[in-house]
Every structure is written in structure tokens, then in C-alpha cells.
Amino acid sequence: MIPGRRVLFAVALLALTAVEPGAAAVQVLVGPTPIEHGDARAAGDITVVNEKLAFALAVQSAAPYGVPRGALIDLAPVVHGKIGRDRVVFADFIPNHWSGWPSTYQHVDIVERGPERAVIHTARDWGRVVISTDYTLRAGSDRVEIRTTMTNEGDAALPDLLSGLTLWPSSGYLFSVPGMAGVTEGKANGALADWMVAYDEDWAIALHASYFDHVGDDSRDLYLLHTLAAGQSRVFEGWLQVRASGDLAPIVRTEIEHDHLQAGHVQGLVHGRDGRIDSPVVVIEKSGKPYAWVAGRDGAYDLALPPGDYSLYATAKNSSQSPAVPVHVEPDSHQVLDFRDVEAPGRIHFVVTDARNGKPLDARLKISEGQKPAVQYLGRQTFFTELDRKGVVDVAIAPGKYVFSVSSGAGFLGPPRQIDVEVLPKQSTTAKVALTRLFDPPAKGWYAADLHHHADQAEAVTPPADLARSQLAAGLDLLFVSDHDSTVNHRALQDIAHRRGVPFIPGVELSASWGHFNAYPLTLGEPLRIDTSVATVDEIFHEARRQGAIVVQVNHPFIPYGYFTSVANGVAPGGFNPGFDLLEINDSASEDDDKVLHAVWDSWSTGRPYFLAAGTDTHDVWNAESGRVRTYGHLDGAVSAGAFATSLKEGHGYVTRGPLVFPAMMFGSRHRVVAGETFSLTFDLDAVDGVKRVDLISEGKVVASQSPADTPREVHVIFPASTTHATWYSLVVEDERGRRAYTDPIWIDTSVSK
């Protein structure tokens, strides 16, 4: 039992799914959370609720990503007394940019339980650092106030820490810190505000953090770069603001009030050709970048802005954008700005076929030029052909002129096409697109999968059907999913795969704070029997094998919380366990490709061979592309999840960001040659963008290279080779765009020379 806490009656807890409308009071509940779809389900978990919001802390439930208990894992708006759906996976304090979190204790205490104010105190250790956090919710407030103190109780200074609050939504869209769009990691010098927002049309959650000077994970993490001296404490303050609509005007107003800023007001009406727009959205840009937006009602909008120069335009769902109008805001000013030229939606009927035979193709269609809504619930920028109407999709879209990039095979099997489409208000147009497939790897026994891909669990936002549409459009031959510590999407994807006649590989990403591991193929839908937040590496590998995994794959091994990094830092429970099979080339950690390659090359040279896998780590198929890096495995017989995994485990594969590789001697196979005599290594290479360079690797070094003239799309290469001892050879192939393929080894044994 947690000190200072009284347990409420279980019956009352289970019955509580709403709060009394208009009741300006805070309640603290102990037990399974009443938040819809909440993850705090244990008897000792804590939920705090007022008339605006509800949040829950994991006291006995496991927190995501192997983070210690005490984290905020559920957060929802309260509307008319009803507690809504959980919208976050996790909102917590991170001590050093998602590095491994060695923790030996977690304490959670109820300090105040209302009715005017509730305060929950948590304390956890991170090595020799004590991290204590107070969560405060006041009656009538739409904010969870958060105050975290880091205290270094060790004898040594901790330099260059990236510490701060995080917000990881479980659905909807992400609006990065204004001014920081497109910055995944780095300094926040361009920040125009001190907040970021997760949102959809009917909710918004903002993380305000005035201390931050760095962002991580597309602004999900708001960090301060700092040193924590021995004995030093540092305080981080911020808050989570919860709203029941996607309107950001209240979030801007809160920043103005909290920072005691001056402000001016802008208001007006938004009209279309047929009268007022019922639900307009006015987008505000500052310094040429999206800053915020206000959602209007009955054609009217009103917002407060800090003094400065802005640009405003009006739009609506699938509607055109009005011309932008410059606005200068003075303190205490009031301006009226009406918009009168927002046009109604149109439609496009896409039909995508194979240019060789007219058959329908699964395809991805992305706006290259044309209107791209800053507010994502107003309209998408990426579309996929349907599952049950192959090659066809109908989309509602804003009127205007567009250029679409249409691809089938993601640039691996054939080039994309750019097509022009003009959309008229309230009218439908048909766009027929014939794509050329240049290459057919399955005809040669080679099959591809994206071996790190998420659906809609944890922070991922891709429903299973859309995962399948995206992977099929990428020209992948097997469907694959690896949600964080979850197998709930297996059966839905198996049904889709059966319907489409393709194999499905059921996987899971076992997600400790000190390393992530994909295990596959698994028993369909089998739940985990371990808690990855406290499990050792031995227990994780045992659970993977218990579930039937042929392959255990170390994901992004060299990132701050990657397994190899954590082993080197001494924070992986159990240390190094050699019981894995593959090392991942990860699209979101491409800077680590060379580290992964040298790790597998060393393993091939030292007698403990690990082979390669590749995955995109896609969570959102509309903003990331499935199959941008992929794994090819060779199969001689029927294609199945088990056969594919076995092929990779035996080294019969390669990974690629573009080029295709077809060896005369199979990767992973062993060949005997006469010591000192010359033999040939022969490969056929294909690349949509042309083969630029081919390196032959042996024992971790480039031993020969070829650069074909005129970067052909198809080339036959022969490498003469000779060795006096047992060794291995592999390829690195680069195309004209700098995209590479990396192969598993061909083993060479030697006999006595003649």
C-alpha cells in the first residue's frame, strides 16, 4: 500500500465513468481508471479528475517503453461530465533523451486529494539521480501542472544531459513546436512558442514547457541541455493543457496569460460562394511558418495573439484556402478581418494500373504540389488505393491544381509518376495512372518485407487496414506488424492477408527502456507473459522463443536506448546475451548503418554470425513511407512467415534502400575453393535509379570495387577473387541517389592448393 493513501470502495470506482456536470471539484480515485480505453487498469493505479480533464498514473500497471512506474499513462478531456477517451500513451519526465533507465524503486503518494486541489507526488531513481515529480490539478482547471526535480546524489557530475517533459499521443496528429516543423532532433533556436500539441478535430493536448532549448522526436520531447553537478538539483516546470476540440486559440491564450504577455484581438467572418462556412478554420503563420489556428463557429472566429507580424488565411475541411492576408498585431488592438473566397470540396477518382497488362496495382498517392493542409484533420496529403478495390481510390479534396506522385513498389520495383490533376468545387474528376514495373524479384525467388512496422498500438496511429494498404502499395510481398509489447492486431491483419492472398508475419516489439527487440513469427495473438519494464534480457529472449519466434532481431542497436549502447553503458539487465539472430538497419537511425555493418562483419569474422534485417519503424503511414528500407529473403518453395524467417536466420538475405541484388552463389551458403586459385563471385544488380558503385567486402574491408558506366538500371558484375584461408564476401551496392543495399555473406572455405 502506498503511504498516505486511502483505498476507495471498488464498487464505486467501477461505477464512476462520469463526473457531475458543473461540479467544480477534484476527485482522486484508486483502482482501474474510468478513462475510456485507459491503460491504468490495476487496483493500485491512481486517477485524478475534475470537470475539464482526467489523468491516470501507472502505480501497479506497467508503463510503456519499459519506463519505471509512476508515469502518466492516460489523459482525456471531460465533456458535459463524461470522461472521454484516453489520448496519450505516455507523458512523463525523461532524464536523458530516452537512454536506458536503470531504476530500483518507484514511490507514488497522494499528497492532497481535493476538492479544491489534488497533488500526487512520485519519486524514482535514475542511477544515482533522484527524480521527483508533483502532478497538480485544480478545480475548474484545464491543466495538469507538472514540477520535476532532478537531484544528483552521486559523486560525479553528469554532463550534457538532455532532460525534460514529453508528450506521446496515442491517436490523432502532431503539431510540432511552432517554428520547429521538420526538425526531428536538435536545438530549438527557431521556436516561436513554448508548446507543442497533439490534436484531432474533437480534442487537443498541449505540452507547455518554457525551459526547453532542444526538441526530440518531432517535438514530442522538450529538452534542456544541461549538466547536473554532484549534489546539484534542477527544477523543470511545465503543464499539460487538455481541450475538447482541435482549436488552438485557447492554447495561445493560455501562453499569453501565463507569461504575462500583451495581446491584441483579431476576429471576423468566413464566407464561401454559397454563404458562411459553418466550421471554418483560420490558420496563423508567423515568420513564414504555421504558428496556430482558430476553429470558428457559424462562420465566425475570434483569437488573441501576442504583438507581432502574422499572416492569416481561412479554410475548412477539404476546402480551398483563401489568399493569405498580412496582419500586424499591436497590444490591446482589435481588428476585424473577413474572408470571402473559401471554395467547397471536390473529388478525385484514381485508377492505377500496370502499364504492361492493364491490371490494377496497389499504389501510394502523395501531393507533390498543391494545397497541403497545415491542420491535418482538414484533409490528408497522402492516399492509398483500397484493399477490396485494388488500384482504385476516391478522395475528397480541396479544389485547385495538383501534382501527385503515384508509386507502386516505392521506387524499388519501378519509378513513380508525376501526374497533374485539376479539381473543381463540387465536381468529381477521374485520374487514370499507368505505372511501369521494371523488376520482379519474386520471379527469381526473392521476397520483401518491412521488418519493423507499427499499427495503432502505443504511439502508433495506423489502423491495421491502412498498414496493409501502405505495405502493399510499397510492393512488399509479406505483411508484417511489430507493435510495442502488443499482439492485438495479429488477427485483423491475418484476416486481411488471407483476403488479399499474401502471407502475414505476426511480430511484436519487446520494448524495454534499454533495448527493443522484434520477435517473429509468433503464435497468433498470444499475449505477453512478461513485464518488459522489469524483465532481464534473458527473460525477454525466453518469452520470444516461448511465443514461437524463429527470429529475435535487435532493433536500432546503437541509438541511445539501443541494446548495444545499453550493454556498453552497463545498464542492460543481464548484460550481453548472444541469443539473438539479426541486427537491424533502421530507417529512422540511418546514421548508424556503418555501426551495424561493422558489428555484423565482426561477427562473421569471429565465428558468431549474426545477419541483417531492415525496417522503417513506421508509426504513421501518411507521414512516413512503408518499405523505404526493406529486407529481401530467398525462398525456393512456398512463401510463408516461417519460411521467410528461417531464410533470414540462415543468412539467405540482404537489406536495401533501393538496389536489388541477385547472387549466383546464395548469401549464407558455403563454398569450397582451392587455396590461392582464382574463383568468381557473380551478381545481377537492378536499380530504378541506376547502379553507381559496387563494393566487394571481405573481413570488414573493401577488397574490390566497380563503377558501371552510365549507371545502368540493370548490370551483371563479376568479381575475381582469391584467398588462402577461410573467409567471407558480401556486397555494398549504391545507386545514383546514394541509396544502398547491404548483403549477408557468402562463406568461402579452402582446401589444400594443388
Foldseek 3Di string as FASTA:
>chain_A
DAPPDDADDPVVQVPDQWAAFPDQFKAKHAAQHSAAVFQQHGRGKIWIDAQFKIWIFNPPGFAFLLDDGRWTQFIATHDRGGHYHGWFRTKGKDWADLFAFFWDDKHKHWPDGMGAKTWIKMWIDRVQKIKIKIWMDGGPAQKTKIKIKIWRQDQFKAAFGWIFIFTFTLAADWFAQWQCAPPAKDFPPRGPAQWIWGFAFFKIKIKGWPQFGIAHRRNRGGTHTGMAGHGRMDMTIIIIGIDGGRACQVVQVVRCVVVVAFKEKEKEFEAAPVGGDAWKKKFKHDPNTTRGIGIDGHRMTMHIHGFDKIWIWMEAAQKDIADIDIDGIDGHYYYYDYHHHIFAKFKEKEAEAAPVPRHAAKKKKFWPDDDDDPRPNSDFRIDIAALVPGRIDMDIHYFAKTWIWMAAQQQFFFHTDIDIDGTDGPYYYYDYHHTYGRDDVVVVQKFKDFAAEADSPRSFHHHLRRQVSQRRSNVHQEAEHAEEQFQQCQVVNCVSCVVNVGAYKRWYWDRHSQFTKIFIRFDHGDHFPDNNSPDAPVVVVVRSVVRPGPFIETEPQPDSRHNVNCLVVVNHHVRDDLPGAEYECEQVVVVCPLVRVVVQLVCQVPPNHHYYFYHHNDRYCSVDHGPLKIKMFGDDDDDYRVRRSVRVSLFQIKMWNFKDKDWPQGGSEEEEDAAFDKDKTKIKMAGNQAWAKKFKDKSHDGPDMDGDPPRDRIDIDIDIDHHRAKIWIWMWTAGPVGIIMTGHIYTYGYDYHD
